[in-house]
């Protein structure tokens, strides 16, 4: 039988509480993703050379081709 440490706190959440927390997490992640991608998008427009150096070249070095990178850029930076 496992020993229980009295300092540990056990949390039991209902399905509804878990759903609320999950939704809050996804909203927060979505907002942070949008802010992050907005910064990348701005860099790509304001300083294409820096965008190429810090984003495109590392992806090429990692083995991606231009077509795949173009799809990633289209999907993540300009999804609509």
PDB file of N, CA and C in Angstrom:
ATOM      1  N   UNK A   1       0.837  -1.181   0.000  1.00  0.00           N
ATOM      2  CA  UNK A   1       0.000   0.000   0.000  1.00  0.00           C
ATOM      3  C   UNK A   1       0.887   1.251   0.000  1.00  0.00           C
ATOM      4  N   UNK A   2       0.500   2.232  -0.762  1.00  0.00           N
ATOM      5  CA  UNK A   2       1.281   3.458  -0.900  1.00  0.00           C
ATOM      6  C   UNK A   2       1.083   4.364   0.316  1.00  0.00           C
ATOM      7  N   UNK A   3       2.201   4.899   0.807  1.00  0.00           N
ATOM      8  CA  UNK A   3       2.120   5.856   1.906  1.00  0.00           C
ATOM      9  C   UNK A   3       1.629   7.195   1.377  1.00  0.00           C
ATOM     10  N   UNK A   4       0.817   7.850   2.152  1.00  0.00           N
ATOM     11  CA  UNK A   4       0.269   9.148   1.752  1.00  0.00           C
ATOM     12  C   UNK A   4       0.971  10.238   2.553  1.00  0.00           C
ATOM     13  N   UNK A   5       1.530  11.187   1.842  1.00  0.00           N
ATOM     14  CA  UNK A   5       2.171  12.331   2.470  1.00  0.00           C
ATOM     15  C   UNK A   5       1.077  13.314   2.872  1.00  0.00           C
ATOM     16  N   UNK A   6       1.052  13.683   4.139  1.00  0.00           N
ATOM     17  CA  UNK A   6      -0.001  14.573   4.634  1.00  0.00           C
ATOM     18  C   UNK A   6       0.089  15.975   4.040  1.00  0.00           C
ATOM     19  N   UNK A   7       1.280  16.335   3.515  1.00  0.00           N
ATOM     20  CA  UNK A   7       1.456  17.659   2.929  1.00  0.00           C
ATOM     21  C   UNK A   7       0.869  17.750   1.521  1.00  0.00           C
ATOM     22  N   UNK A   8       0.618  16.606   0.882  1.00  0.00           N
ATOM     23  CA  UNK A   8       0.063  16.610  -0.473  1.00  0.00           C
ATOM     24  C   UNK A   8      -1.418  16.938  -0.421  1.00  0.00           C
ATOM     25  N   UNK A   9      -1.841  17.705  -1.387  1.00  0.00           N
ATOM     26  CA  UNK A   9      -3.256  18.061  -1.475  1.00  0.00           C
ATOM     27  C   UNK A   9      -3.868  17.323  -2.651  1.00  0.00           C
ATOM     28  N   UNK A  10      -4.936  16.615  -2.391  1.00  0.00           N
ATOM     29  CA  UNK A  10      -5.609  15.886  -3.448  1.00  0.00           C
ATOM     30  C   UNK A  10      -6.780  16.715  -3.950  1.00  0.00           C
ATOM     31  N   UNK A  11      -6.898  16.806  -5.240  1.00  0.00           N
ATOM     32  CA  UNK A  11      -7.954  17.603  -5.843  1.00  0.00           C
ATOM     33  C   UNK A  11      -8.805  16.694  -6.711  1.00  0.00           C
ATOM     34  N   UNK A  12     -10.082  16.762  -6.501  1.00  0.00           N
ATOM     35  CA  UNK A  12     -11.015  15.990  -7.312  1.00  0.00           C
ATOM     36  C   UNK A  12     -11.986  16.977  -7.945  1.00  0.00           C
ATOM     37  N   UNK A  13     -11.957  17.069  -9.263  1.00  0.00           N
ATOM     38  CA  UNK A  13     -12.811  18.027  -9.955  1.00  0.00           C
ATOM     39  C   UNK A  13     -13.930  17.307 -10.690  1.00  0.00           C
ATOM     40  N   UNK A  14     -15.051  17.958 -10.748  1.00  0.00           N
ATOM     41  CA  UNK A  14     -16.172  17.396 -11.491  1.00  0.00           C
ATOM     42  C   UNK A  14     -15.924  17.578 -12.987  1.00  0.00           C
ATOM     43  N   UNK A  15     -16.722  16.908 -13.775  1.00  0.00           N
ATOM     44  CA  UNK A  15     -16.623  17.026 -15.236  1.00  0.00           C
ATOM     45  C   UNK A  15     -16.800  18.476 -15.669  1.00  0.00           C
ATOM     46  N   UNK A  16     -17.763  19.159 -15.074  1.00  0.00           N
ATOM     47  CA  UNK A  16     -18.031  20.552 -15.431  1.00  0.00           C
ATOM     48  C   UNK A  16     -16.850  21.453 -15.070  1.00  0.00           C
ATOM     49  N   UNK A  17     -16.258  21.217 -13.884  1.00  0.00           N
ATOM     50  CA  UNK A  17     -15.107  22.019 -13.474  1.00  0.00           C
ATOM     51  C   UNK A  17     -13.914  21.782 -14.398  1.00  0.00           C
ATOM     52  N   UNK A  18     -13.697  20.532 -14.780  1.00  0.00           N
ATOM     53  CA  UNK A  18     -12.604  20.219 -15.711  1.00  0.00           C
ATOM     54  C   UNK A  18     -12.836  20.895 -17.056  1.00  0.00           C
ATOM     55  N   UNK A  19     -14.067  20.886 -17.536  1.00  0.00           N
ATOM     56  CA  UNK A  19     -14.393  21.551 -18.804  1.00  0.00           C
ATOM     57  C   UNK A  19     -14.125  23.044 -18.726  1.00  0.00           C
ATOM     58  N   UNK A  20     -14.496  23.678 -17.621  1.00  0.00           N
ATOM     59  CA  UNK A  20     -14.235  25.113 -17.445  1.00  0.00           C
ATOM     60  C   UNK A  20     -12.734  25.397 -17.491  1.00  0.00           C
ATOM     61  N   UNK A  21     -11.972  24.601 -16.746  1.00  0.00           N
ATOM     62  CA  UNK A  21     -10.522  24.790 -16.734  1.00  0.00           C
ATOM     63  C   UNK A  21      -9.919  24.547 -18.108  1.00  0.00           C
ATOM     64  N   UNK A  22     -10.409  23.539 -18.803  1.00  0.00           N
ATOM     65  CA  UNK A  22      -9.907  23.232 -20.145  1.00  0.00           C
ATOM     66  C   UNK A  22     -10.187  24.400 -21.095  1.00  0.00           C
ATOM     67  N   UNK A  23     -11.402  24.958 -21.027  1.00  0.00           N
ATOM     68  CA  UNK A  23     -11.755  26.082 -21.892  1.00  0.00           C
ATOM     69  C   UNK A  23     -10.889  27.306 -21.584  1.00  0.00           C
ATOM     70  N   UNK A  24     -10.669  27.583 -20.296  1.00  0.00           N
ATOM     71  CA  UNK A  24      -9.809  28.706 -19.922  1.00  0.00           C
ATOM     72  C   UNK A  24      -8.393  28.511 -20.444  1.00  0.00           C
ATOM     73  N   UNK A  25      -7.884  27.289 -20.321  1.00  0.00           N
ATOM     74  CA  UNK A  25      -6.547  26.993 -20.809  1.00  0.00           C
ATOM     75  C   UNK A  25      -6.456  27.212 -22.311  1.00  0.00           C
ATOM     76  N   UNK A  26      -7.409  26.686 -23.073  1.00  0.00           N
ATOM     77  CA  UNK A  26      -7.383  26.845 -24.520  1.00  0.00           C
ATOM     78  C   UNK A  26      -7.532  28.306 -24.932  1.00  0.00           C
ATOM     79  N   UNK A  27      -8.362  29.073 -24.214  1.00  0.00           N
ATOM     80  CA  UNK A  27      -8.496  30.497 -24.519  1.00  0.00           C
ATOM     81  C   UNK A  27      -7.169  31.215 -24.282  1.00  0.00           C
ATOM     82  N   UNK A  28      -6.527  30.889 -23.169  1.00  0.00           N
ATOM     83  CA  UNK A  28      -5.249  31.524 -22.852  1.00  0.00           C
ATOM     84  C   UNK A  28      -4.184  31.151 -23.877  1.00  0.00           C
ATOM     85  N   UNK A  29      -4.112  29.873 -24.216  1.00  0.00           N
ATOM     86  CA  UNK A  29      -3.146  29.438 -25.211  1.00  0.00           C
ATOM     87  C   UNK A  29      -3.425  30.071 -26.564  1.00  0.00           C
ATOM     88  N   UNK A  30      -4.705  30.165 -26.917  1.00  0.00           N
ATOM     89  CA  UNK A  30      -5.075  30.759 -28.199  1.00  0.00           C
ATOM     90  C   UNK A  30      -4.645  32.228 -28.248  1.00  0.00           C
ATOM     91  N   UNK A  31      -4.871  32.956 -27.155  1.00  0.00           N
ATOM     92  CA  UNK A  31      -4.491  34.369 -27.112  1.00  0.00           C
ATOM     93  C   UNK A  31      -2.975  34.515 -27.205  1.00  0.00           C
ATOM     94  N   UNK A  32      -2.237  33.689 -26.448  1.00  0.00           N
ATOM     95  CA  UNK A  32      -0.782  33.758 -26.488  1.00  0.00           C
ATOM     96  C   UNK A  32      -0.257  33.388 -27.872  1.00  0.00           C
ATOM     97  N   UNK A  33      -0.888  32.403 -28.501  1.00  0.00           N
ATOM     98  CA  UNK A  33      -0.485  31.996 -29.856  1.00  0.00           C
ATOM     99  C   UNK A  33      -0.699  33.133 -30.840  1.00  0.00           C
ATOM    100  N   UNK A  34      -1.841  33.800 -30.723  1.00  0.00           N
ATOM    101  CA  UNK A  34      -2.138  34.915 -31.618  1.00  0.00           C
ATOM    102  C   UNK A  34      -1.133  36.038 -31.433  1.00  0.00           C
ATOM    103  N   UNK A  35      -0.783  36.336 -30.171  1.00  0.00           N
ATOM    104  CA  UNK A  35       0.188  37.395 -29.916  1.00  0.00           C
ATOM    105  C   UNK A  35       1.561  37.019 -30.464  1.00  0.00           C
ATOM    106  N   UNK A  36       1.963  35.779 -30.249  1.00  0.00           N
ATOM    107  CA  UNK A  36       3.245  35.300 -30.737  1.00  0.00           C
ATOM    108  C   UNK A  36       3.294  35.333 -32.259  1.00  0.00           C
ATOM    109  N   UNK A  37       2.276  34.798 -32.885  1.00  0.00           N
ATOM    110  CA  UNK A  37       2.248  34.762 -34.342  1.00  0.00           C
ATOM    111  C   UNK A  37       2.116  36.164 -34.928  1.00  0.00           C
ATOM    112  N   UNK A  38       1.430  37.048 -34.220  1.00  0.00           N
ATOM    113  CA  UNK A  38       1.349  38.432 -34.667  1.00  0.00           C
ATOM    114  C   UNK A  38       2.715  39.076 -34.719  1.00  0.00           C
ATOM    115  N   UNK A  39       3.545  38.761 -33.730  1.00  0.00           N
ATOM    116  CA  UNK A  39       4.919  39.283 -33.721  1.00  0.00           C
ATOM    117  C   UNK A  39       5.730  38.757 -34.884  1.00  0.00           C
ATOM    118  N   UNK A  40       5.575  37.476 -35.179  1.00  0.00           N
ATOM    119  CA  UNK A  40       6.280  36.892 -36.324  1.00  0.00           C
ATOM    120  C   UNK A  40       5.793  37.519 -37.621  1.00  0.00           C
ATOM    121  N   UNK A  41       4.491  37.691 -37.726  1.00  0.00           N
ATOM    122  CA  UNK A  41       3.905  38.292 -38.924  1.00  0.00           C
ATOM    123  C   UNK A  41       4.436  39.708 -39.132  1.00  0.00           C
ATOM    124  N   UNK A  42       4.495  40.476 -38.054  1.00  0.00           N
ATOM    125  CA  UNK A  42       5.008  41.844 -38.127  1.00  0.00           C
ATOM    126  C   UNK A  42       6.467  41.842 -38.573  1.00  0.00           C
ATOM    127  N   UNK A  43       7.265  40.949 -37.985  1.00  0.00           N
ATOM    128  CA  UNK A  43       8.677  40.850 -38.374  1.00  0.00           C
ATOM    129  C   UNK A  43       8.807  40.503 -39.851  1.00  0.00           C
ATOM    130  N   UNK A  44       7.980  39.578 -40.338  1.00  0.00           N
ATOM    131  CA  UNK A  44       8.081  39.165 -41.739  1.00  0.00           C
ATOM    132  C   UNK A  44       7.775  40.315 -42.689  1.00  0.00           C
ATOM    133  N   UNK A  45       6.915  41.234 -42.249  1.00  0.00           N
ATOM    134  CA  UNK A  45       6.549  42.361 -43.101  1.00  0.00           C
ATOM    135  C   UNK A  45       7.520  43.527 -42.964  1.00  0.00           C
ATOM    136  N   UNK A  46       7.982  43.798 -41.735  1.00  0.00           N
ATOM    137  CA  UNK A  46       8.858  44.941 -41.499  1.00  0.00           C
ATOM    138  C   UNK A  46      10.312  44.670 -41.857  1.00  0.00           C
ATOM    139  N   UNK A  47      10.756  43.435 -41.623  1.00  0.00           N
ATOM    140  CA  UNK A  47      12.164  43.111 -41.856  1.00  0.00           C
ATOM    141  C   UNK A  47      12.270  41.712 -42.456  1.00  0.00           C
ATOM    142  N   UNK A  48      12.000  41.607 -43.760  1.00  0.00           N
ATOM    143  CA  UNK A  48      12.036  40.293 -44.406  1.00  0.00           C
ATOM    144  C   UNK A  48      13.382  39.584 -44.260  1.00  0.00           C
ATOM    145  N   UNK A  49      14.481  40.327 -44.221  1.00  0.00           N
ATOM    146  CA  UNK A  49      15.800  39.708 -44.085  1.00  0.00           C
ATOM    147  C   UNK A  49      15.933  39.012 -42.726  1.00  0.00           C
ATOM    148  N   UNK A  50      15.471  39.670 -41.672  1.00  0.00           N
ATOM    149  CA  UNK A  50      15.519  39.072 -40.335  1.00  0.00           C
ATOM    150  C   UNK A  50      14.588  37.869 -40.256  1.00  0.00           C
ATOM    151  N   UNK A  51      13.413  38.002 -40.861  1.00  0.00           N
ATOM    152  CA  UNK A  51      12.470  36.883 -40.888  1.00  0.00           C
ATOM    153  C   UNK A  51      13.109  35.683 -41.574  1.00  0.00           C
ATOM    154  N   UNK A  52      13.772  35.918 -42.678  1.00  0.00           N
ATOM    155  CA  UNK A  52      14.448  34.842 -43.403  1.00  0.00           C
ATOM    156  C   UNK A  52      15.559  34.225 -42.551  1.00  0.00           C
ATOM    157  N   UNK A  53      16.349  35.079 -41.914  1.00  0.00           N
ATOM    158  CA  UNK A  53      17.491  34.601 -41.122  1.00  0.00           C
ATOM    159  C   UNK A  53      17.051  33.794 -39.900  1.00  0.00           C
ATOM    160  N   UNK A  54      16.043  34.288 -39.195  1.00  0.00           N
ATOM    161  CA  UNK A  54      15.676  33.668 -37.922  1.00  0.00           C
ATOM    162  C   UNK A  54      14.576  32.621 -38.018  1.00  0.00           C
ATOM    163  N   UNK A  55      13.833  32.595 -39.122  1.00  0.00           N
ATOM    164  CA  UNK A  55      12.726  31.640 -39.239  1.00  0.00           C
ATOM    165  C   UNK A  55      12.860  30.715 -40.441  1.00  0.00           C
ATOM    166  N   UNK A  56      13.108  31.253 -41.610  1.00  0.00           N
ATOM    167  CA  UNK A  56      13.137  30.425 -42.820  1.00  0.00           C
ATOM    168  C   UNK A  56      14.399  29.570 -42.881  1.00  0.00           C
ATOM    169  N   UNK A  57      15.562  30.186 -42.692  1.00  0.00           N
ATOM    170  CA  UNK A  57      16.815  29.443 -42.787  1.00  0.00           C
ATOM    171  C   UNK A  57      16.911  28.286 -41.782  1.00  0.00           C
ATOM    172  N   UNK A  58      16.519  28.479 -40.518  1.00  0.00           N
ATOM    173  CA  UNK A  58      16.541  27.334 -39.598  1.00  0.00           C
ATOM    174  C   UNK A  58      15.616  26.193 -40.037  1.00  0.00           C
ATOM    175  N   UNK A  59      14.483  26.541 -40.620  1.00  0.00           N
ATOM    176  CA  UNK A  59      13.579  25.488 -41.106  1.00  0.00           C
ATOM    177  C   UNK A  59      14.189  24.744 -42.292  1.00  0.00           C
ATOM    178  N   UNK A  60      14.849  25.478 -43.174  1.00  0.00           N
ATOM    179  CA  UNK A  60      15.536  24.834 -44.300  1.00  0.00           C
ATOM    180  C   UNK A  60      16.660  23.937 -43.798  1.00  0.00           C
ATOM    181  N   UNK A  61      17.409  24.421 -42.824  1.00  0.00           N
ATOM    182  CA  UNK A  61      18.492  23.634 -42.239  1.00  0.00           C
ATOM    183  C   UNK A  61      17.953  22.361 -41.583  1.00  0.00           C
ATOM    184  N   UNK A  62      16.756  22.452 -41.019  1.00  0.00           N
ATOM    185  CA  UNK A  62      16.137  21.294 -40.369  1.00  0.00           C
ATOM    186  C   UNK A  62      15.608  20.282 -41.376  1.00  0.00           C
ATOM    187  N   UNK A  63      15.600  20.660 -42.667  1.00  0.00           N
ATOM    188  CA  UNK A  63      15.201  19.704 -43.694  1.00  0.00           C
ATOM    189  C   UNK A  63      13.874  19.983 -44.379  1.00  0.00           C
ATOM    190  N   UNK A  64      13.204  21.064 -44.013  1.00  0.00           N
ATOM    191  CA  UNK A  64      11.960  21.402 -44.693  1.00  0.00           C
ATOM    192  C   UNK A  64      12.269  22.039 -46.036  1.00  0.00           C
ATOM    193  N   UNK A  65      11.363  21.880 -46.981  1.00  0.00           N
ATOM    194  CA  UNK A  65      11.538  22.533 -48.271  1.00  0.00           C
ATOM    195  C   UNK A  65      10.681  23.799 -48.322  1.00  0.00           C
ATOM    196  N   UNK A  66      10.892  24.625 -49.341  1.00  0.00           N
ATOM    197  CA  UNK A  66      10.165  25.891 -49.439  1.00  0.00           C
ATOM    198  C   UNK A  66       8.658  25.689 -49.519  1.00  0.00           C
ATOM    199  N   UNK A  67       8.211  24.652 -50.200  1.00  0.00           N
ATOM    200  CA  UNK A  67       6.777  24.408 -50.330  1.00  0.00           C
ATOM    201  C   UNK A  67       6.139  24.145 -48.963  1.00  0.00           C
ATOM    202  N   UNK A  68       6.798  23.322 -48.151  1.00  0.00           N
ATOM    203  CA  UNK A  68       6.282  23.028 -46.814  1.00  0.00           C
ATOM    204  C   UNK A  68       6.283  24.275 -45.951  1.00  0.00           C
ATOM    205  N   UNK A  69       7.356  25.047 -46.039  1.00  0.00           N
ATOM    206  CA  UNK A  69       7.439  26.291 -45.273  1.00  0.00           C
ATOM    207  C   UNK A  69       6.342  27.244 -45.714  1.00  0.00           C
ATOM    208  N   UNK A  70       6.093  27.333 -47.002  1.00  0.00           N
ATOM    209  CA  UNK A  70       5.027  28.204 -47.512  1.00  0.00           C
ATOM    210  C   UNK A  70       3.676  27.787 -46.956  1.00  0.00           C
ATOM    211  N   UNK A  71       3.424  26.483 -46.887  1.00  0.00           N
ATOM    212  CA  UNK A  71       2.160  26.005 -46.312  1.00  0.00           C
ATOM    213  C   UNK A  71       2.065  26.358 -44.835  1.00  0.00           C
ATOM    214  N   UNK A  72       3.168  26.205 -44.114  1.00  0.00           N
ATOM    215  CA  UNK A  72       3.169  26.562 -42.693  1.00  0.00           C
ATOM    216  C   UNK A  72       2.898  28.051 -42.495  1.00  0.00           C
ATOM    217  N   UNK A  73       3.567  28.867 -43.287  1.00  0.00           N
ATOM    218  CA  UNK A  73       3.369  30.313 -43.177  1.00  0.00           C
ATOM    219  C   UNK A  73       1.924  30.678 -43.503  1.00  0.00           C
ATOM    220  N   UNK A  74       1.410  30.130 -44.590  1.00  0.00           N
ATOM    221  CA  UNK A  74       0.016  30.410 -44.956  1.00  0.00           C
ATOM    222  C   UNK A  74      -0.946  29.995 -43.851  1.00  0.00           C
ATOM    223  N   UNK A  75      -0.720  28.816 -43.287  1.00  0.00           N
ATOM    224  CA  UNK A  75      -1.645  28.286 -42.298  1.00  0.00           C
ATOM    225  C   UNK A  75      -1.568  29.035 -40.974  1.00  0.00           C
ATOM    226  N   UNK A  76      -0.353  29.286 -40.490  1.00  0.00           N
ATOM    227  CA  UNK A  76      -0.195  29.870 -39.168  1.00  0.00           C
ATOM    228  C   UNK A  76      -0.224  31.386 -39.127  1.00  0.00           C
ATOM    229  N   UNK A  77       0.320  32.029 -40.133  1.00  0.00           N
ATOM    230  CA  UNK A  77       0.374  33.484 -40.094  1.00  0.00           C
ATOM    231  C   UNK A  77      -0.857  34.148 -40.691  1.00  0.00           C
ATOM    232  N   UNK A  78      -1.383  33.546 -41.736  1.00  0.00           N
ATOM    233  CA  UNK A  78      -2.546  34.120 -42.383  1.00  0.00           C
ATOM    234  C   UNK A  78      -3.609  33.053 -42.587  1.00  0.00           C
ATOM    235  N   UNK A  79      -4.265  32.575 -41.490  1.00  0.00           N
ATOM    236  CA  UNK A  79      -5.186  31.446 -41.590  1.00  0.00           C
ATOM    237  C   UNK A  79      -6.486  31.752 -42.327  1.00  0.00           C
ATOM    238  N   UNK A  80      -6.856  33.005 -42.462  1.00  0.00           N
ATOM    239  CA  UNK A  80      -8.153  33.304 -43.102  1.00  0.00           C
ATOM    240  C   UNK A  80      -8.021  33.641 -44.542  1.00  0.00           C
TER     241      UNK A  80
END
